[in-house]
Every structure is written in C-alpha cells, then in structure tokens.
Full PDB file with SEQRES, HELIX, SHEET, SSBOND, CRYST1, ORIGX, SCALE, CONECT and MASTER records, all heavy atoms in Angstrom:
SEQRES   1 A   36  GLN THR PRO ARG GLN CYS ASP MET ALA THR ILE GLU THR          
SEQRES   2 A   36  ASN GLN PRO ASP CYS CYS VAL GLN ASP ASP PHE ASP LEU          
SEQRES   3 A   36  PHE PRO ASP PRO CYS ASN ASN GLY GLY TRP                      
HELIX    1 AA1 GLN A    5  THR A   13  1                                   9    
HELIX    2 AA2 ASP A   29  CYS A   31  5                                   3    
SSBOND   1 CYS A    6    CYS A   19                          1555   1555  2.02  
SSBOND   2 CYS A   18    CYS A   31                          1555   1555  2.07  
CRYST1    1.000    1.000    1.000  90.00  90.00  90.00 P 1           1          
ORIGX1      1.000000  0.000000  0.000000        0.00000                         
ORIGX2      0.000000  1.000000  0.000000        0.00000                         
ORIGX3      0.000000  0.000000  1.000000        0.00000                         
SCALE1      1.000000  0.000000  0.000000        0.00000                         
SCALE2      0.000000  1.000000  0.000000        0.00000                         
SCALE3      0.000000  0.000000  1.000000        0.00000                         
ATOM      1  N   GLN A   1       0.848  -1.188   0.000  1.00  0.00           N  
ATOM      2  CA  GLN A   1       0.000   0.000   0.000  1.00  0.00           C  
ATOM      3  C   GLN A   1       0.883   1.237   0.000  1.00  0.00           C  
ATOM      4  O   GLN A   1       1.831   1.353   0.775  1.00  0.00           O  
ATOM      5  CB  GLN A   1      -0.913  -0.007   1.228  1.00  0.00           C  
ATOM      6  CG  GLN A   1      -1.946   1.113   1.232  1.00  0.00           C  
ATOM      7  CD  GLN A   1      -2.900   1.016   2.420  1.00  0.00           C  
ATOM      8  OE1 GLN A   1      -2.788   0.099   3.231  1.00  0.00           O  
ATOM      9  NE2 GLN A   1      -3.821   1.940   2.517  1.00  0.00           N  
ATOM     10  N   THR A   2       0.586   2.179  -0.884  1.00  0.00           N  
ATOM     11  CA  THR A   2       1.413   3.372  -1.024  1.00  0.00           C  
ATOM     12  C   THR A   2       0.561   4.619  -0.853  1.00  0.00           C  
ATOM     13  O   THR A   2      -0.046   5.111  -1.805  1.00  0.00           O  
ATOM     14  CB  THR A   2       2.115   3.399  -2.396  1.00  0.00           C  
ATOM     15  OG1 THR A   2       2.825   2.181  -2.589  1.00  0.00           O  
ATOM     16  CG2 THR A   2       3.096   4.559  -2.474  1.00  0.00           C  
ATOM     17  N   PRO A   3       0.477   5.147   0.339  1.00  0.00           N  
ATOM     18  CA  PRO A   3      -0.297   6.364   0.575  1.00  0.00           C  
ATOM     19  C   PRO A   3       0.422   7.595   0.038  1.00  0.00           C  
ATOM     20  O   PRO A   3       1.633   7.589  -0.198  1.00  0.00           O  
ATOM     21  CB  PRO A   3      -0.404   6.420   2.092  1.00  0.00           C  
ATOM     22  CG  PRO A   3       0.842   5.744   2.554  1.00  0.00           C  
ATOM     23  CD  PRO A   3       1.105   4.642   1.566  1.00  0.00           C  
ATOM     24  N   ARG A   4      -0.326   8.650  -0.146  1.00  0.00           N  
ATOM     25  CA  ARG A   4       0.252   9.936  -0.518  1.00  0.00           C  
ATOM     26  C   ARG A   4       0.867  10.600   0.710  1.00  0.00           C  
ATOM     27  O   ARG A   4       0.538  10.268   1.848  1.00  0.00           O  
ATOM     28  CB  ARG A   4      -0.820  10.842  -1.119  1.00  0.00           C  
ATOM     29  CG  ARG A   4      -1.446  10.323  -2.398  1.00  0.00           C  
ATOM     30  CD  ARG A   4      -2.672  11.148  -2.788  1.00  0.00           C  
ATOM     31  NE  ARG A   4      -3.737  10.988  -1.789  1.00  0.00           N  
ATOM     32  CZ  ARG A   4      -4.909  11.625  -1.854  1.00  0.00           C  
ATOM     33  NH1 ARG A   4      -5.144  12.484  -2.841  1.00  0.00           N  
ATOM     34  NH2 ARG A   4      -5.830  11.416  -0.924  1.00  0.00           N  
ATOM     35  N   GLN A   5       1.748  11.542   0.461  1.00  0.00           N  
ATOM     36  CA  GLN A   5       2.355  12.264   1.573  1.00  0.00           C  
ATOM     37  C   GLN A   5       1.307  12.976   2.408  1.00  0.00           C  
ATOM     38  O   GLN A   5       1.382  12.994   3.644  1.00  0.00           O  
ATOM     39  CB  GLN A   5       3.389  13.262   1.045  1.00  0.00           C  
ATOM     40  CG  GLN A   5       4.595  12.610   0.387  1.00  0.00           C  
ATOM     41  CD  GLN A   5       5.568  13.621  -0.183  1.00  0.00           C  
ATOM     42  OE1 GLN A   5       5.804  14.683   0.404  1.00  0.00           O  
ATOM     43  NE2 GLN A   5       6.162  13.299  -1.331  1.00  0.00           N  
ATOM     44  N   CYS A   6       0.318  13.546   1.755  1.00  0.00           N  
ATOM     45  CA  CYS A   6      -0.720  14.267   2.495  1.00  0.00           C  
ATOM     46  C   CYS A   6      -1.571  13.312   3.336  1.00  0.00           C  
ATOM     47  O   CYS A   6      -2.066  13.686   4.401  1.00  0.00           O  
ATOM     48  CB  CYS A   6      -1.583  15.085   1.547  1.00  0.00           C  
ATOM     49  SG  CYS A   6      -2.414  14.137   0.246  1.00  0.00           S  
ATOM     50  N   ASP A   7      -1.748  12.072   2.863  1.00  0.00           N  
ATOM     51  CA  ASP A   7      -2.471  11.078   3.664  1.00  0.00           C  
ATOM     52  C   ASP A   7      -1.713  10.789   4.961  1.00  0.00           C  
ATOM     53  O   ASP A   7      -2.318  10.693   6.043  1.00  0.00           O  
ATOM     54  CB  ASP A   7      -2.641   9.773   2.884  1.00  0.00           C  
ATOM     55  CG  ASP A   7      -3.569   9.905   1.690  1.00  0.00           C  
ATOM     56  OD1 ASP A   7      -4.568  10.637   1.783  1.00  0.00           O  
ATOM     57  OD2 ASP A   7      -3.284   9.274   0.651  1.00  0.00           O  
ATOM     58  N   MET A   8      -0.403  10.633   4.835  1.00  0.00           N  
ATOM     59  CA  MET A   8       0.398  10.369   6.024  1.00  0.00           C  
ATOM     60  C   MET A   8       0.400  11.568   6.968  1.00  0.00           C  
ATOM     61  O   MET A   8       0.373  11.410   8.197  1.00  0.00           O  
ATOM     62  CB  MET A   8       1.815   9.988   5.610  1.00  0.00           C  
ATOM     63  CG  MET A   8       1.903   8.624   4.955  1.00  0.00           C  
ATOM     64  SD  MET A   8       3.597   8.138   4.522  1.00  0.00           S  
ATOM     65  CE  MET A   8       3.703   8.812   2.854  1.00  0.00           C  
ATOM     66  N   ALA A   9       0.423  12.772   6.409  1.00  0.00           N  
ATOM     67  CA  ALA A   9       0.383  13.971   7.245  1.00  0.00           C  
ATOM     68  C   ALA A   9      -0.945  14.079   7.990  1.00  0.00           C  
ATOM     69  O   ALA A   9      -0.985  14.536   9.137  1.00  0.00           O  
ATOM     70  CB  ALA A   9       0.610  15.211   6.391  1.00  0.00           C  
ATOM     71  N   THR A  10      -2.032  13.668   7.356  1.00  0.00           N  
ATOM     72  CA  THR A  10      -3.333  13.670   8.025  1.00  0.00           C  
ATOM     73  C   THR A  10      -3.295  12.797   9.276  1.00  0.00           C  
ATOM     74  O   THR A  10      -3.824  13.161  10.329  1.00  0.00           O  
ATOM     75  CB  THR A  10      -4.430  13.168   7.068  1.00  0.00           C  
ATOM     76  OG1 THR A  10      -4.517  14.050   5.944  1.00  0.00           O  
ATOM     77  CG2 THR A  10      -5.780  13.108   7.759  1.00  0.00           C  
ATOM     78  N   ILE A  11      -2.631  11.651   9.173  1.00  0.00           N  
ATOM     79  CA  ILE A  11      -2.520  10.744  10.321  1.00  0.00           C  
ATOM     80  C   ILE A  11      -1.625  11.337  11.405  1.00  0.00           C  
ATOM     81  O   ILE A  11      -1.977  11.360  12.582  1.00  0.00           O  
ATOM     82  CB  ILE A  11      -1.963   9.385   9.867  1.00  0.00           C  
ATOM     83  CG1 ILE A  11      -2.940   8.699   8.921  1.00  0.00           C  
ATOM     84  CG2 ILE A  11      -1.652   8.485  11.061  1.00  0.00           C  
ATOM     85  CD1 ILE A  11      -2.349   7.513   8.198  1.00  0.00           C  
ATOM     86  N   GLU A  12      -0.471  11.844  10.985  1.00  0.00           N  
ATOM     87  CA  GLU A  12       0.524  12.293  11.962  1.00  0.00           C  
ATOM     88  C   GLU A  12       0.137  13.596  12.658  1.00  0.00           C  
ATOM     89  O   GLU A  12       0.485  13.822  13.809  1.00  0.00           O  
ATOM     90  CB  GLU A  12       1.882  12.462  11.280  1.00  0.00           C  
ATOM     91  CG  GLU A  12       2.579  11.158  10.956  1.00  0.00           C  
ATOM     92  CD  GLU A  12       3.063  10.429  12.196  1.00  0.00           C  
ATOM     93  OE1 GLU A  12       3.938  10.960  12.900  1.00  0.00           O  
ATOM     94  OE2 GLU A  12       2.534   9.332  12.467  1.00  0.00           O  
ATOM     95  N   THR A  13      -0.568  14.479  11.960  1.00  0.00           N  
ATOM     96  CA  THR A  13      -0.899  15.791  12.528  1.00  0.00           C  
ATOM     97  C   THR A  13      -2.294  15.857  13.135  1.00  0.00           C  
ATOM     98  O   THR A  13      -2.642  16.854  13.760  1.00  0.00           O  
ATOM     99  CB  THR A  13      -0.788  16.880  11.440  1.00  0.00           C  
ATOM    100  OG1 THR A  13      -1.753  16.618  10.406  1.00  0.00           O  
ATOM    101  CG2 THR A  13       0.609  16.908  10.846  1.00  0.00           C  
ATOM    102  N   ASN A  14      -3.109  14.814  12.914  1.00  0.00           N  
ATOM    103  CA  ASN A  14      -4.493  14.804  13.409  1.00  0.00           C  
ATOM    104  C   ASN A  14      -5.321  15.951  12.847  1.00  0.00           C  
ATOM    105  O   ASN A  14      -6.270  16.409  13.480  1.00  0.00           O  
ATOM    106  CB  ASN A  14      -4.516  14.845  14.952  1.00  0.00           C  
ATOM    107  CG  ASN A  14      -3.967  13.568  15.558  1.00  0.00           C  
ATOM    108  OD1 ASN A  14      -4.255  12.473  15.098  1.00  0.00           O  
ATOM    109  ND2 ASN A  14      -3.163  13.719  16.602  1.00  0.00           N  
ATOM    110  N   GLN A  15      -4.946  16.408  11.671  1.00  0.00           N  
ATOM    111  CA  GLN A  15      -5.753  17.407  10.971  1.00  0.00           C  
ATOM    112  C   GLN A  15      -6.867  16.688  10.200  1.00  0.00           C  
ATOM    113  O   GLN A  15      -6.720  15.515   9.845  1.00  0.00           O  
ATOM    114  CB  GLN A  15      -4.886  18.218  10.017  1.00  0.00           C  
ATOM    115  CG  GLN A  15      -3.825  19.068  10.700  1.00  0.00           C  
ATOM    116  CD  GLN A  15      -4.419  20.150  11.585  1.00  0.00           C  
ATOM    117  OE1 GLN A  15      -5.398  20.795  11.212  1.00  0.00           O  
ATOM    118  NE2 GLN A  15      -3.839  20.331  12.759  1.00  0.00           N  
ATOM    119  N   PRO A  16      -7.985  17.362   9.920  1.00  0.00           N  
ATOM    120  CA  PRO A  16      -9.113  16.674   9.281  1.00  0.00           C  
ATOM    121  C   PRO A  16      -8.821  16.141   7.888  1.00  0.00           C  
ATOM    122  O   PRO A  16      -9.238  15.046   7.548  1.00  0.00           O  
ATOM    123  CB  PRO A  16     -10.225  17.732   9.264  1.00  0.00           C  
ATOM    124  CG  PRO A  16      -9.509  19.039   9.421  1.00  0.00           C  
ATOM    125  CD  PRO A  16      -8.318  18.749  10.277  1.00  0.00           C  
ATOM    126  N   ASP A  17      -8.099  16.890   7.061  1.00  0.00           N  
ATOM    127  CA  ASP A  17      -7.779  16.416   5.717  1.00  0.00           C  
ATOM    128  C   ASP A  17      -6.636  17.238   5.148  1.00  0.00           C  
ATOM    129  O   ASP A  17      -6.831  18.359   4.684  1.00  0.00           O  
ATOM    130  CB  ASP A  17      -8.985  16.501   4.787  1.00  0.00           C  
ATOM    131  CG  ASP A  17      -8.745  15.780   3.464  1.00  0.00           C  
ATOM    132  OD1 ASP A  17      -7.592  15.386   3.217  1.00  0.00           O  
ATOM    133  OD2 ASP A  17      -9.690  15.608   2.687  1.00  0.00           O  
ATOM    134  N   CYS A  18      -5.446  16.667   5.164  1.00  0.00           N  
ATOM    135  CA  CYS A  18      -4.275  17.390   4.673  1.00  0.00           C  
ATOM    136  C   CYS A  18      -4.145  17.326   3.157  1.00  0.00           C  
ATOM    137  O   CYS A  18      -3.203  17.895   2.599  1.00  0.00           O  
ATOM    138  CB  CYS A  18      -3.016  16.826   5.317  1.00  0.00           C  
ATOM    139  SG  CYS A  18      -2.880  17.172   7.090  1.00  0.00           S  
ATOM    140  N   CYS A  19      -5.048  16.641   2.478  1.00  0.00           N  
ATOM    141  CA  CYS A  19      -4.957  16.506   1.024  1.00  0.00           C  
ATOM    142  C   CYS A  19      -5.790  17.540   0.275  1.00  0.00           C  
ATOM    143  O   CYS A  19      -5.825  17.531  -0.957  1.00  0.00           O  
ATOM    144  CB  CYS A  19      -5.371  15.090   0.601  1.00  0.00           C  
ATOM    145  SG  CYS A  19      -4.201  13.819   1.143  1.00  0.00           S  
ATOM    146  N   VAL A  20      -6.459  18.423   0.984  1.00  0.00           N  
ATOM    147  CA  VAL A  20      -7.226  19.485   0.341  1.00  0.00           C  
ATOM    148  C   VAL A  20      -6.270  20.613  -0.039  1.00  0.00           C  
ATOM    149  O   VAL A  20      -5.606  21.193   0.823  1.00  0.00           O  
ATOM    150  CB  VAL A  20      -8.332  20.011   1.267  1.00  0.00           C  
ATOM    151  CG1 VAL A  20      -9.036  21.189   0.611  1.00  0.00           C  
ATOM    152  CG2 VAL A  20      -9.329  18.908   1.590  1.00  0.00           C  
ATOM    153  N   GLN A  21      -6.167  20.909  -1.326  1.00  0.00           N  
ATOM    154  CA  GLN A  21      -5.264  21.951  -1.804  1.00  0.00           C  
ATOM    155  C   GLN A  21      -6.032  23.208  -2.185  1.00  0.00           C  
ATOM    156  O   GLN A  21      -7.192  23.137  -2.635  1.00  0.00           O  
ATOM    157  CB  GLN A  21      -4.468  21.441  -3.012  1.00  0.00           C  
ATOM    158  CG  GLN A  21      -3.525  20.290  -2.662  1.00  0.00           C  
ATOM    159  CD  GLN A  21      -2.875  19.670  -3.880  1.00  0.00           C  
ATOM    160  OE1 GLN A  21      -3.369  18.697  -4.416  1.00  0.00           O  
ATOM    161  NE2 GLN A  21      -1.758  20.243  -4.312  1.00  0.00           N  
ATOM    162  N   ASP A  22      -5.387  24.357  -2.018  1.00  0.00           N  
ATOM    163  CA  ASP A  22      -6.035  25.626  -2.351  1.00  0.00           C  
ATOM    164  C   ASP A  22      -5.870  25.936  -3.838  1.00  0.00           C  
ATOM    165  O   ASP A  22      -5.408  25.086  -4.621  1.00  0.00           O  
ATOM    166  CB  ASP A  22      -5.483  26.759  -1.487  1.00  0.00           C  
ATOM    167  CG  ASP A  22      -3.988  27.008  -1.684  1.00  0.00           C  
ATOM    168  OD1 ASP A  22      -3.437  26.583  -2.734  1.00  0.00           O  
ATOM    169  OD2 ASP A  22      -3.369  27.624  -0.804  1.00  0.00           O  
ATOM    170  N   ASP A  23      -6.234  27.126  -4.224  1.00  0.00           N  
ATOM    171  CA  ASP A  23      -6.179  27.504  -5.637  1.00  0.00           C  
ATOM    172  C   ASP A  23      -4.760  27.547  -6.191  1.00  0.00           C  
ATOM    173  O   ASP A  23      -4.565  27.553  -7.411  1.00  0.00           O  
ATOM    174  CB  ASP A  23      -6.836  28.882  -5.836  1.00  0.00           C  
ATOM    175  CG  ASP A  23      -8.335  28.850  -5.563  1.00  0.00           C  
ATOM    176  OD1 ASP A  23      -8.913  27.744  -5.621  1.00  0.00           O  
ATOM    177  OD2 ASP A  23      -8.909  29.911  -5.257  1.00  0.00           O  
ATOM    178  N   PHE A  24      -3.779  27.581  -5.299  1.00  0.00           N  
ATOM    179  CA  PHE A  24      -2.382  27.594  -5.724  1.00  0.00           C  
ATOM    180  C   PHE A  24      -1.735  26.214  -5.563  1.00  0.00           C  
ATOM    181  O   PHE A  24      -0.511  26.086  -5.586  1.00  0.00           O  
ATOM    182  CB  PHE A  24      -1.602  28.639  -4.922  1.00  0.00           C  
ATOM    183  CG  PHE A  24      -2.120  30.034  -5.082  1.00  0.00           C  
ATOM    184  CD1 PHE A  24      -2.997  30.572  -4.146  1.00  0.00           C  
ATOM    185  CD2 PHE A  24      -1.779  30.808  -6.192  1.00  0.00           C  
ATOM    186  CE1 PHE A  24      -3.492  31.864  -4.298  1.00  0.00           C  
ATOM    187  CE2 PHE A  24      -2.275  32.090  -6.346  1.00  0.00           C  
ATOM    188  CZ  PHE A  24      -3.141  32.624  -5.396  1.00  0.00           C  
ATOM    189  N   ASP A  25      -2.559  25.194  -5.377  1.00  0.00           N  
ATOM    190  CA  ASP A  25      -2.106  23.802  -5.198  1.00  0.00           C  
ATOM    191  C   ASP A  25      -1.275  23.614  -3.943  1.00  0.00           C  
ATOM    192  O   ASP A  25      -0.445  22.704  -3.868  1.00  0.00           O  
ATOM    193  CB  ASP A  25      -1.311  23.315  -6.429  1.00  0.00           C  
ATOM    194  CG  ASP A  25      -2.196  23.176  -7.666  1.00  0.00           C  
ATOM    195  OD1 ASP A  25      -3.398  22.885  -7.500  1.00  0.00           O  
ATOM    196  OD2 ASP A  25      -1.678  23.351  -8.778  1.00  0.00           O  
ATOM    197  N   LEU A  26      -1.496  24.454  -2.947  1.00  0.00           N  
ATOM    198  CA  LEU A  26      -0.792  24.332  -1.688  1.00  0.00           C  
ATOM    199  C   LEU A  26      -1.622  23.532  -0.688  1.00  0.00           C  
ATOM    200  O   LEU A  26      -2.853  23.649  -0.657  1.00  0.00           O  
ATOM    201  CB  LEU A  26      -0.479  25.715  -1.106  1.00  0.00           C  
ATOM    202  CG  LEU A  26       0.411  26.616  -1.972  1.00  0.00           C  
ATOM    203  CD1 LEU A  26       0.557  27.986  -1.332  1.00  0.00           C  
ATOM    204  CD2 LEU A  26       1.779  25.972  -2.193  1.00  0.00           C  
ATOM    205  N   PHE A  27      -0.947  22.738   0.106  1.00  0.00           N  
ATOM    206  CA  PHE A  27      -1.623  21.962   1.137  1.00  0.00           C  
ATOM    207  C   PHE A  27      -1.837  22.837   2.378  1.00  0.00           C  
ATOM    208  O   PHE A  27      -1.164  23.850   2.555  1.00  0.00           O  
ATOM    209  CB  PHE A  27      -0.791  20.728   1.493  1.00  0.00           C  
ATOM    210  CG  PHE A  27      -0.620  19.768   0.354  1.00  0.00           C  
ATOM    211  CD1 PHE A  27       0.533  19.783  -0.423  1.00  0.00           C  
ATOM    212  CD2 PHE A  27      -1.613  18.848   0.047  1.00  0.00           C  
ATOM    213  CE1 PHE A  27       0.692  18.890  -1.476  1.00  0.00           C  
ATOM    214  CE2 PHE A  27      -1.466  17.967  -1.008  1.00  0.00           C  
ATOM    215  CZ  PHE A  27      -0.315  17.982  -1.766  1.00  0.00           C  
ATOM    216  N   PRO A  28      -2.751  22.460   3.262  1.00  0.00           N  
ATOM    217  CA  PRO A  28      -3.026  23.282   4.453  1.00  0.00           C  
ATOM    218  C   PRO A  28      -1.780  23.468   5.319  1.00  0.00           C  
ATOM    219  O   PRO A  28      -1.066  22.492   5.608  1.00  0.00           O  
ATOM    220  CB  PRO A  28      -4.105  22.479   5.192  1.00  0.00           C  
ATOM    221  CG  PRO A  28      -4.756  21.640   4.134  1.00  0.00           C  
ATOM    222  CD  PRO A  28      -3.662  21.299   3.172  1.00  0.00           C  
ATOM    223  N   ASP A  29      -1.528  24.683   5.731  1.00  0.00           N  
ATOM    224  CA  ASP A  29      -0.330  24.982   6.514  1.00  0.00           C  
ATOM    225  C   ASP A  29      -0.281  24.228   7.843  1.00  0.00           C  
ATOM    226  O   ASP A  29       0.808  23.804   8.259  1.00  0.00           O  
ATOM    227  CB  ASP A  29      -0.230  26.486   6.762  1.00  0.00           C  
ATOM    228  CG  ASP A  29       1.125  26.858   7.338  1.00  0.00           C  
ATOM    229  OD1 ASP A  29       2.137  26.664   6.641  1.00  0.00           O  
ATOM    230  OD2 ASP A  29       1.171  27.324   8.496  1.00  0.00           O  
ATOM    231  N   PRO A  30      -1.408  24.012   8.552  1.00  0.00           N  
ATOM    232  CA  PRO A  30      -1.334  23.244   9.804  1.00  0.00           C  
ATOM    233  C   PRO A  30      -0.838  21.814   9.614  1.00  0.00           C  
ATOM    234  O   PRO A  30      -0.437  21.165  10.584  1.00  0.00           O  
ATOM    235  CB  PRO A  30      -2.784  23.259  10.314  1.00  0.00           C  
ATOM    236  CG  PRO A  30      -3.387  24.474   9.702  1.00  0.00           C  
ATOM    237  CD  PRO A  30      -2.765  24.575   8.346  1.00  0.00           C  
ATOM    238  N   CYS A  31      -0.878  21.326   8.375  1.00  0.00           N  
ATOM    239  CA  CYS A  31      -0.398  19.969   8.099  1.00  0.00           C  
ATOM    240  C   CYS A  31       1.111  19.909   7.889  1.00  0.00           C  
ATOM    241  O   CYS A  31       1.678  18.818   7.795  1.00  0.00           O  
ATOM    242  CB  CYS A  31      -1.093  19.416   6.857  1.00  0.00           C  
ATOM    243  SG  CYS A  31      -2.883  19.238   7.025  1.00  0.00           S  
ATOM    244  N   ASN A  32       1.743  21.068   7.780  1.00  0.00           N  
ATOM    245  CA  ASN A  32       3.178  21.128   7.480  1.00  0.00           C  
ATOM    246  C   ASN A  32       3.987  20.943   8.764  1.00  0.00           C  
ATOM    247  O   ASN A  32       4.634  21.862   9.262  1.00  0.00           O  
ATOM    248  CB  ASN A  32       3.506  22.464   6.811  1.00  0.00           C  
ATOM    249  CG  ASN A  32       4.935  22.513   6.295  1.00  0.00           C  
ATOM    250  OD1 ASN A  32       5.571  21.486   6.084  1.00  0.00           O  
ATOM    251  ND2 ASN A  32       5.447  23.719   6.099  1.00  0.00           N  
ATOM    252  N   ASN A  33       3.912  19.733   9.293  1.00  0.00           N  
ATOM    253  CA  ASN A  33       4.593  19.412  10.542  1.00  0.00           C  
ATOM    254  C   ASN A  33       5.467  18.181  10.376  1.00  0.00           C  
ATOM    255  O   ASN A  33       5.331  17.430   9.414  1.00  0.00           O  
ATOM    256  CB  ASN A  33       3.584  19.170  11.669  1.00  0.00           C  
ATOM    257  CG  ASN A  33       2.952  20.453  12.160  1.00  0.00           C  
ATOM    258  OD1 ASN A  33       3.597  21.492  12.236  1.00  0.00           O  
ATOM    259  ND2 ASN A  33       1.671  20.390  12.491  1.00  0.00           N  
ATOM    260  N   GLY A  34       6.339  17.982  11.347  1.00  0.00           N  
ATOM    261  CA  GLY A  34       7.190  16.815  11.338  1.00  0.00           C  
ATOM    262  C   GLY A  34       6.441  15.558  11.752  1.00  0.00           C  
ATOM    263  O   GLY A  34       5.294  15.610  12.216  1.00  0.00           O  
ATOM    264  N   GLY A  35       7.095  14.440  11.586  1.00  0.00           N  
ATOM    265  CA  GLY A  35       6.510  13.167  11.971  1.00  0.00           C  
ATOM    266  C   GLY A  35       7.493  12.047  11.713  1.00  0.00           C  
ATOM    267  O   GLY A  35       8.641  12.287  11.335  1.00  0.00           O  
ATOM    268  N   TRP A  36       7.043  10.836  11.925  1.00  0.00           N  
ATOM    269  CA  TRP A  36       7.829   9.650  11.624  1.00  0.00           C  
ATOM    270  C   TRP A  36       7.038   8.791  10.646  1.00  0.00           C  
ATOM    271  O   TRP A  36       5.799   8.827  10.633  1.00  0.00           O  
ATOM    272  CB  TRP A  36       8.119   8.850  12.894  1.00  0.00           C  
ATOM    273  CG  TRP A  36       8.975   9.564  13.886  1.00  0.00           C  
ATOM    274  CD1 TRP A  36       8.578  10.100  15.073  1.00  0.00           C  
ATOM    275  CD2 TRP A  36      10.380   9.828  13.780  1.00  0.00           C  
ATOM    276  NE1 TRP A  36       9.639  10.680  15.719  1.00  0.00           N  
ATOM    277  CE2 TRP A  36      10.768  10.526  14.950  1.00  0.00           C  
ATOM    278  CE3 TRP A  36      11.348   9.536  12.821  1.00  0.00           C  
ATOM    279  CZ2 TRP A  36      12.074  10.936  15.185  1.00  0.00           C  
ATOM    280  CZ3 TRP A  36      12.651   9.941  13.052  1.00  0.00           C  
ATOM    281  CH2 TRP A  36      13.014  10.634  14.216  1.00  0.00           C  
TER     282      TRP A  36                                                      
CONECT   49  145                                                                
CONECT  139  243                                                                
CONECT  145   49                                                                
CONECT  243  139                                                                
MASTER        0    0    0    2    0    0    0    6  281    1    4    3          
END                                                                             
C-alpha cells in the first residue's frame, strides 16, 4: 500500500484532511509538521 504524503500527514498531525489543496495547489499549513 502506497499512501500519498498528504495522507500520512493527516494521520501524523491529526488534521481533518491534509490533502485538500487551495487555488495555488498548496496543502493546508497546519499539516506542514514533522513526523515519523
């Protein structure tokens, strides 16, 4: 199974959905965190 980076960030940051991109194709800033 190969998840997307944003899928993994959703798990690690406990944000509702890190795969939602804005009009500039940027991911939500609260998802831009470290993890393992």
